[in-house]
């Protein structure tokens, strides 16, 4: 499947049914999701691999991993309504994926790859830390989106867990007006996708 076709399919990802500001629930842009997934696939980290998506939302990254041939995909999110939407999206794409509702800190499993877009910590500083900690626990290769300005912090978190940043790719997310505190109809945010690999 070509990247453009993947992007087209991912544009069908449902919006969050009832987004909550405290959980920083934003839909990953289809173009960025497709580019990130295609890059991960080019590194040999998707096809035939067990993939987890922590904080999966409505499933755009998990479904994309399934479309690119992952042998197993598990998505987890604390929002049951988002999980239901993700299940529907996966079924619509003809995929057999597993979506679980629950706190990612209580999530367990063994995977080859984690790919995720955790909360950026705009509402609660370092809200992405538990996601990174869990990702480092369940897989030797982690792909994670973070605000570009937090790069040094992400590198310290990775190093402390015995992981090395092997790649970083820059994206611009266009965040649409969702919450009362948003002053602009659309705001562009510079984001980095980090590929991190365990040294163990």
C-alpha atoms as a PDB file:
ATOM      1  CA  UNK A   1       0.000   0.000   0.000  1.00  0.00           C
ATOM      2  CA  UNK A   2       1.335   3.431  -0.945  1.00  0.00           C
ATOM      3  CA  UNK A   3       1.545   6.230   1.609  1.00  0.00           C
ATOM      4  CA  UNK A   4      -1.082   8.329  -0.194  1.00  0.00           C
ATOM      5  CA  UNK A   5      -3.539   5.424  -0.146  1.00  0.00           C
ATOM      6  CA  UNK A   6      -2.867   4.880   3.563  1.00  0.00           C
ATOM      7  CA  UNK A   7      -3.474   8.581   4.206  1.00  0.00           C
ATOM      8  CA  UNK A   8      -6.741   8.429   2.266  1.00  0.00           C
ATOM      9  CA  UNK A   9      -7.977   5.500   4.343  1.00  0.00           C
ATOM     10  CA  UNK A  10      -6.909   7.103   7.619  1.00  0.00           C
ATOM     11  CA  UNK A  11      -8.884  10.223   6.780  1.00  0.00           C
ATOM     12  CA  UNK A  12     -11.898   8.102   7.655  1.00  0.00           C
ATOM     13  CA  UNK A  13     -10.845   7.932  11.314  1.00  0.00           C
ATOM     14  CA  UNK A  14     -13.707   9.176  13.490  1.00  0.00           C
ATOM     15  CA  UNK A  15     -13.356  12.282  15.621  1.00  0.00           C
ATOM     16  CA  UNK A  16     -13.516  11.843  19.385  1.00  0.00           C
ATOM     17  CA  UNK A  17     -17.194  11.476  20.329  1.00  0.00           C
ATOM     18  CA  UNK A  18     -16.846  13.747  23.392  1.00  0.00           C
ATOM     19  CA  UNK A  19     -13.309  15.164  23.604  1.00  0.00           C
ATOM     20  CA  UNK A  20     -12.066  16.136  27.063  1.00  0.00           C
ATOM     21  CA  UNK A  21      -9.515  18.935  27.474  1.00  0.00           C
ATOM     22  CA  UNK A  22      -7.933  17.325  30.549  1.00  0.00           C
ATOM     23  CA  UNK A  23      -7.099  14.224  28.479  1.00  0.00           C
ATOM     24  CA  UNK A  24      -5.861  16.359  25.547  1.00  0.00           C
ATOM     25  CA  UNK A  25      -7.934  14.375  23.076  1.00  0.00           C
ATOM     26  CA  UNK A  26      -7.001  15.498  19.593  1.00  0.00           C
ATOM     27  CA  UNK A  27      -7.153  13.400  16.449  1.00  0.00           C
ATOM     28  CA  UNK A  28      -3.698  12.796  14.950  1.00  0.00           C
ATOM     29  CA  UNK A  29      -3.773  14.342  11.448  1.00  0.00           C
ATOM     30  CA  UNK A  30      -4.122  11.635   8.788  1.00  0.00           C
ATOM     31  CA  UNK A  31      -1.160  12.925   6.792  1.00  0.00           C
ATOM     32  CA  UNK A  32       1.172  12.838   9.794  1.00  0.00           C
ATOM     33  CA  UNK A  33      -0.160   9.478  10.953  1.00  0.00           C
ATOM     34  CA  UNK A  34       0.371   7.952   7.501  1.00  0.00           C
ATOM     35  CA  UNK A  35       3.879   9.418   7.203  1.00  0.00           C
ATOM     36  CA  UNK A  36       4.861   8.169  10.676  1.00  0.00           C
ATOM     37  CA  UNK A  37       3.463   4.692  10.057  1.00  0.00           C
ATOM     38  CA  UNK A  38       5.089   4.471   6.643  1.00  0.00           C
ATOM     39  CA  UNK A  39       8.428   5.498   8.153  1.00  0.00           C
ATOM     40  CA  UNK A  40       8.055   2.885  10.912  1.00  0.00           C
ATOM     41  CA  UNK A  41       7.252   0.267   8.271  1.00  0.00           C
ATOM     42  CA  UNK A  42      10.367   1.263   6.295  1.00  0.00           C
ATOM     43  CA  UNK A  43      12.416   0.537   9.433  1.00  0.00           C
ATOM     44  CA  UNK A  44      10.946  -2.983   9.602  1.00  0.00           C
ATOM     45  CA  UNK A  45       8.921  -2.184  12.725  1.00  0.00           C
ATOM     46  CA  UNK A  46       5.323  -2.767  11.536  1.00  0.00           C
ATOM     47  CA  UNK A  47       4.785  -5.605   9.048  1.00  0.00           C
ATOM     48  CA  UNK A  48       4.642  -8.951  10.824  1.00  0.00           C
ATOM     49  CA  UNK A  49       5.197  -7.271  14.196  1.00  0.00           C
ATOM     50  CA  UNK A  50       3.184  -7.093  17.415  1.00  0.00           C
ATOM     51  CA  UNK A  51       2.232  -3.430  17.745  1.00  0.00           C
ATOM     52  CA  UNK A  52       0.679  -1.509  20.637  1.00  0.00           C
ATOM     53  CA  UNK A  53      -0.869   1.973  20.547  1.00  0.00           C
ATOM     54  CA  UNK A  54      -1.030   3.550  24.020  1.00  0.00           C
ATOM     55  CA  UNK A  55      -3.699   6.236  24.300  1.00  0.00           C
ATOM     56  CA  UNK A  56      -5.120   5.036  20.987  1.00  0.00           C
ATOM     57  CA  UNK A  57      -8.045   7.451  20.879  1.00  0.00           C
ATOM     58  CA  UNK A  58     -10.303   6.544  17.971  1.00  0.00           C
ATOM     59  CA  UNK A  59      -7.669   4.264  16.491  1.00  0.00           C
ATOM     60  CA  UNK A  60      -5.923   6.084  13.665  1.00  0.00           C
ATOM     61  CA  UNK A  61      -2.419   4.741  14.441  1.00  0.00           C
ATOM     62  CA  UNK A  62      -3.590   1.264  15.459  1.00  0.00           C
ATOM     63  CA  UNK A  63      -5.705   0.888  12.322  1.00  0.00           C
ATOM     64  CA  UNK A  64      -2.838   2.186  10.189  1.00  0.00           C
ATOM     65  CA  UNK A  65      -0.506  -0.423  11.686  1.00  0.00           C
ATOM     66  CA  UNK A  66      -3.069  -3.088  10.853  1.00  0.00           C
ATOM     67  CA  UNK A  67      -3.366  -1.861   7.280  1.00  0.00           C
ATOM     68  CA  UNK A  68       0.433  -2.073   6.927  1.00  0.00           C
ATOM     69  CA  UNK A  69       0.493  -5.731   7.930  1.00  0.00           C
ATOM     70  CA  UNK A  70       1.154  -5.869  11.680  1.00  0.00           C
ATOM     71  CA  UNK A  71       0.607  -9.424  12.942  1.00  0.00           C
ATOM     72  CA  UNK A  72      -1.120  -8.195  16.097  1.00  0.00           C
ATOM     73  CA  UNK A  73      -2.377  -4.753  17.110  1.00  0.00           C
ATOM     74  CA  UNK A  74      -3.607  -3.748  20.557  1.00  0.00           C
ATOM     75  CA  UNK A  75      -4.864  -0.244  21.287  1.00  0.00           C
ATOM     76  CA  UNK A  76      -5.663   0.984  24.791  1.00  0.00           C
ATOM     77  CA  UNK A  77      -7.375   4.163  25.932  1.00  0.00           C
ATOM     78  CA  UNK A  78      -8.987   5.352  29.151  1.00  0.00           C
ATOM     79  CA  UNK A  79     -12.008   6.725  27.260  1.00  0.00           C
ATOM     80  CA  UNK A  80     -14.525   3.939  26.570  1.00  0.00           C
ATOM     81  CA  UNK A  81     -16.334   6.049  23.954  1.00  0.00           C
ATOM     82  CA  UNK A  82     -13.118   6.564  22.008  1.00  0.00           C
ATOM     83  CA  UNK A  83     -12.386   2.830  22.237  1.00  0.00           C
ATOM     84  CA  UNK A  84     -15.829   2.006  20.838  1.00  0.00           C
ATOM     85  CA  UNK A  85     -15.180   4.392  17.943  1.00  0.00           C
ATOM     86  CA  UNK A  86     -11.793   2.741  17.350  1.00  0.00           C
ATOM     87  CA  UNK A  87     -13.388  -0.703  17.270  1.00  0.00           C
ATOM     88  CA  UNK A  88     -15.872   0.528  14.705  1.00  0.00           C
ATOM     89  CA  UNK A  89     -13.141   2.069  12.558  1.00  0.00           C
ATOM     90  CA  UNK A  90     -11.087  -1.135  12.642  1.00  0.00           C
ATOM     91  CA  UNK A  91     -14.105  -3.220  11.644  1.00  0.00           C
ATOM     92  CA  UNK A  92     -14.934  -0.777   8.854  1.00  0.00           C
ATOM     93  CA  UNK A  93     -11.408  -1.334   7.480  1.00  0.00           C
ATOM     94  CA  UNK A  94     -11.916  -5.112   7.630  1.00  0.00           C
ATOM     95  CA  UNK A  95      -9.265  -5.589  10.327  1.00  0.00           C
ATOM     96  CA  UNK A  96      -9.194  -7.819  13.402  1.00  0.00           C
ATOM     97  CA  UNK A  97      -7.644  -5.570  16.032  1.00  0.00           C
ATOM     98  CA  UNK A  98      -7.941  -5.534  19.808  1.00  0.00           C
ATOM     99  CA  UNK A  99      -8.985  -2.361  21.604  1.00  0.00           C
ATOM    100  CA  UNK A 100      -9.084  -2.183  25.388  1.00  0.00           C
ATOM    101  CA  UNK A 101     -10.547   0.432  27.685  1.00  0.00           C
ATOM    102  CA  UNK A 102      -8.397   1.217  30.715  1.00  0.00           C
ATOM    103  CA  UNK A 103      -5.548   3.126  32.307  1.00  0.00           C
ATOM    104  CA  UNK A 104      -2.333   2.611  30.329  1.00  0.00           C
ATOM    105  CA  UNK A 105      -0.396   2.389  33.611  1.00  0.00           C
ATOM    106  CA  UNK A 106      -2.187  -0.923  34.269  1.00  0.00           C
ATOM    107  CA  UNK A 107      -1.588  -2.231  30.748  1.00  0.00           C
ATOM    108  CA  UNK A 108       0.672  -5.282  30.338  1.00  0.00           C
ATOM    109  CA  UNK A 109       1.950  -7.262  27.391  1.00  0.00           C
ATOM    110  CA  UNK A 110       4.945  -7.983  25.198  1.00  0.00           C
ATOM    111  CA  UNK A 111       5.199  -6.213  21.858  1.00  0.00           C
ATOM    112  CA  UNK A 112       7.786  -5.545  19.184  1.00  0.00           C
ATOM    113  CA  UNK A 113       6.771  -1.930  18.617  1.00  0.00           C
ATOM    114  CA  UNK A 114       4.799   0.821  20.308  1.00  0.00           C
ATOM    115  CA  UNK A 115       3.537   3.685  18.166  1.00  0.00           C
ATOM    116  CA  UNK A 116       1.616   6.420  19.954  1.00  0.00           C
ATOM    117  CA  UNK A 117       0.597  10.042  20.156  1.00  0.00           C
ATOM    118  CA  UNK A 118       0.368  10.669  23.916  1.00  0.00           C
ATOM    119  CA  UNK A 119      -0.946  13.860  25.554  1.00  0.00           C
ATOM    120  CA  UNK A 120       1.556  16.649  24.962  1.00  0.00           C
ATOM    121  CA  UNK A 121       1.332  17.961  28.509  1.00  0.00           C
ATOM    122  CA  UNK A 122      -0.184  21.284  27.487  1.00  0.00           C
ATOM    123  CA  UNK A 123      -2.821  20.981  30.223  1.00  0.00           C
ATOM    124  CA  UNK A 124      -0.786  18.968  32.726  1.00  0.00           C
ATOM    125  CA  UNK A 125       3.012  19.145  32.560  1.00  0.00           C
ATOM    126  CA  UNK A 126       4.666  15.885  31.516  1.00  0.00           C
ATOM    127  CA  UNK A 127       1.329  14.120  31.047  1.00  0.00           C
ATOM    128  CA  UNK A 128       3.214  12.086  28.430  1.00  0.00           C
ATOM    129  CA  UNK A 129       5.618  10.586  31.012  1.00  0.00           C
ATOM    130  CA  UNK A 130       3.429   7.593  32.040  1.00  0.00           C
ATOM    131  CA  UNK A 131       2.960   6.757  28.362  1.00  0.00           C
ATOM    132  CA  UNK A 132       6.691   6.728  27.710  1.00  0.00           C
ATOM    133  CA  UNK A 133       7.378   4.722  30.851  1.00  0.00           C
ATOM    134  CA  UNK A 134       4.829   2.073  29.872  1.00  0.00           C
ATOM    135  CA  UNK A 135       6.026   2.005  26.248  1.00  0.00           C
ATOM    136  CA  UNK A 136       9.616   1.403  27.377  1.00  0.00           C
ATOM    137  CA  UNK A 137       8.319  -1.437  29.547  1.00  0.00           C
ATOM    138  CA  UNK A 138       6.358  -3.336  26.883  1.00  0.00           C
ATOM    139  CA  UNK A 139       8.435  -2.976  23.681  1.00  0.00           C
ATOM    140  CA  UNK A 140      12.080  -2.597  22.570  1.00  0.00           C
ATOM    141  CA  UNK A 141      11.153  -0.076  19.837  1.00  0.00           C
ATOM    142  CA  UNK A 142       9.019   2.975  20.530  1.00  0.00           C
ATOM    143  CA  UNK A 143       7.656   5.639  18.183  1.00  0.00           C
ATOM    144  CA  UNK A 144       6.141   8.616  19.972  1.00  0.00           C
ATOM    145  CA  UNK A 145       4.942  12.106  19.028  1.00  0.00           C
ATOM    146  CA  UNK A 146       5.917  15.003  21.323  1.00  0.00           C
ATOM    147  CA  UNK A 147       6.033  18.779  21.191  1.00  0.00           C
ATOM    148  CA  UNK A 148       9.291  19.818  19.514  1.00  0.00           C
ATOM    149  CA  UNK A 149      10.208  22.061  22.436  1.00  0.00           C
ATOM    150  CA  UNK A 150      10.287  19.038  24.778  1.00  0.00           C
ATOM    151  CA  UNK A 151      13.026  17.220  22.827  1.00  0.00           C
ATOM    152  CA  UNK A 152      15.660  17.430  25.570  1.00  0.00           C
ATOM    153  CA  UNK A 153      13.194  16.069  28.121  1.00  0.00           C
ATOM    154  CA  UNK A 154      12.192  13.168  25.847  1.00  0.00           C
ATOM    155  CA  UNK A 155      15.846  12.274  25.289  1.00  0.00           C
ATOM    156  CA  UNK A 156      16.479  12.267  29.061  1.00  0.00           C
ATOM    157  CA  UNK A 157      13.448  10.040  29.660  1.00  0.00           C
ATOM    158  CA  UNK A 158      14.614   7.624  26.960  1.00  0.00           C
ATOM    159  CA  UNK A 159      18.194   7.532  28.226  1.00  0.00           C
ATOM    160  CA  UNK A 160      17.049   6.950  31.794  1.00  0.00           C
ATOM    161  CA  UNK A 161      15.114   3.891  30.625  1.00  0.00           C
ATOM    162  CA  UNK A 162      18.033   2.509  28.617  1.00  0.00           C
ATOM    163  CA  UNK A 163      16.688   3.674  25.252  1.00  0.00           C
ATOM    164  CA  UNK A 164      18.425   5.665  22.507  1.00  0.00           C
ATOM    165  CA  UNK A 165      16.769   8.076  20.092  1.00  0.00           C
ATOM    166  CA  UNK A 166      17.705   6.708  16.679  1.00  0.00           C
ATOM    167  CA  UNK A 167      15.578   9.042  14.530  1.00  0.00           C
ATOM    168  CA  UNK A 168      13.421  12.133  14.834  1.00  0.00           C
ATOM    169  CA  UNK A 169      11.016  13.395  12.185  1.00  0.00           C
ATOM    170  CA  UNK A 170       9.339  16.790  12.242  1.00  0.00           C
ATOM    171  CA  UNK A 171       5.635  17.337  11.585  1.00  0.00           C
ATOM    172  CA  UNK A 172       3.237  20.238  11.923  1.00  0.00           C
ATOM    173  CA  UNK A 173      -0.111  19.389  13.482  1.00  0.00           C
ATOM    174  CA  UNK A 174      -3.010  21.682  12.679  1.00  0.00           C
ATOM    175  CA  UNK A 175      -5.082  21.665  15.885  1.00  0.00           C
ATOM    176  CA  UNK A 176      -8.653  22.737  15.239  1.00  0.00           C
ATOM    177  CA  UNK A 177     -10.762  24.708  17.708  1.00  0.00           C
ATOM    178  CA  UNK A 178     -12.153  22.099  20.120  1.00  0.00           C
ATOM    179  CA  UNK A 179     -12.191  23.596  23.595  1.00  0.00           C
ATOM    180  CA  UNK A 180     -13.306  26.879  25.152  1.00  0.00           C
ATOM    181  CA  UNK A 181      -9.734  27.987  25.891  1.00  0.00           C
ATOM    182  CA  UNK A 182      -8.792  27.748  22.194  1.00  0.00           C
ATOM    183  CA  UNK A 183      -8.600  31.287  20.861  1.00  0.00           C
ATOM    184  CA  UNK A 184      -7.890  30.462  17.221  1.00  0.00           C
ATOM    185  CA  UNK A 185      -9.967  28.407  14.808  1.00  0.00           C
ATOM    186  CA  UNK A 186      -6.825  26.526  13.820  1.00  0.00           C
ATOM    187  CA  UNK A 187      -3.387  26.483  15.400  1.00  0.00           C
ATOM    188  CA  UNK A 188      -0.260  24.905  13.946  1.00  0.00           C
ATOM    189  CA  UNK A 189       1.956  23.045  16.416  1.00  0.00           C
ATOM    190  CA  UNK A 190       5.471  21.787  15.691  1.00  0.00           C
ATOM    191  CA  UNK A 191       5.790  18.152  16.701  1.00  0.00           C
ATOM    192  CA  UNK A 192       8.578  15.579  16.592  1.00  0.00           C
ATOM    193  CA  UNK A 193       8.170  11.839  16.107  1.00  0.00           C
ATOM    194  CA  UNK A 194      10.934  10.040  17.986  1.00  0.00           C
ATOM    195  CA  UNK A 195      12.052   6.510  17.208  1.00  0.00           C
ATOM    196  CA  UNK A 196      13.625   5.069  20.341  1.00  0.00           C
ATOM    197  CA  UNK A 197      15.295   1.695  20.682  1.00  0.00           C
ATOM    198  CA  UNK A 198      16.323  -0.278  23.733  1.00  0.00           C
ATOM    199  CA  UNK A 199      20.027  -0.790  24.306  1.00  0.00           C
ATOM    200  CA  UNK A 200      19.331  -3.944  26.292  1.00  0.00           C
END
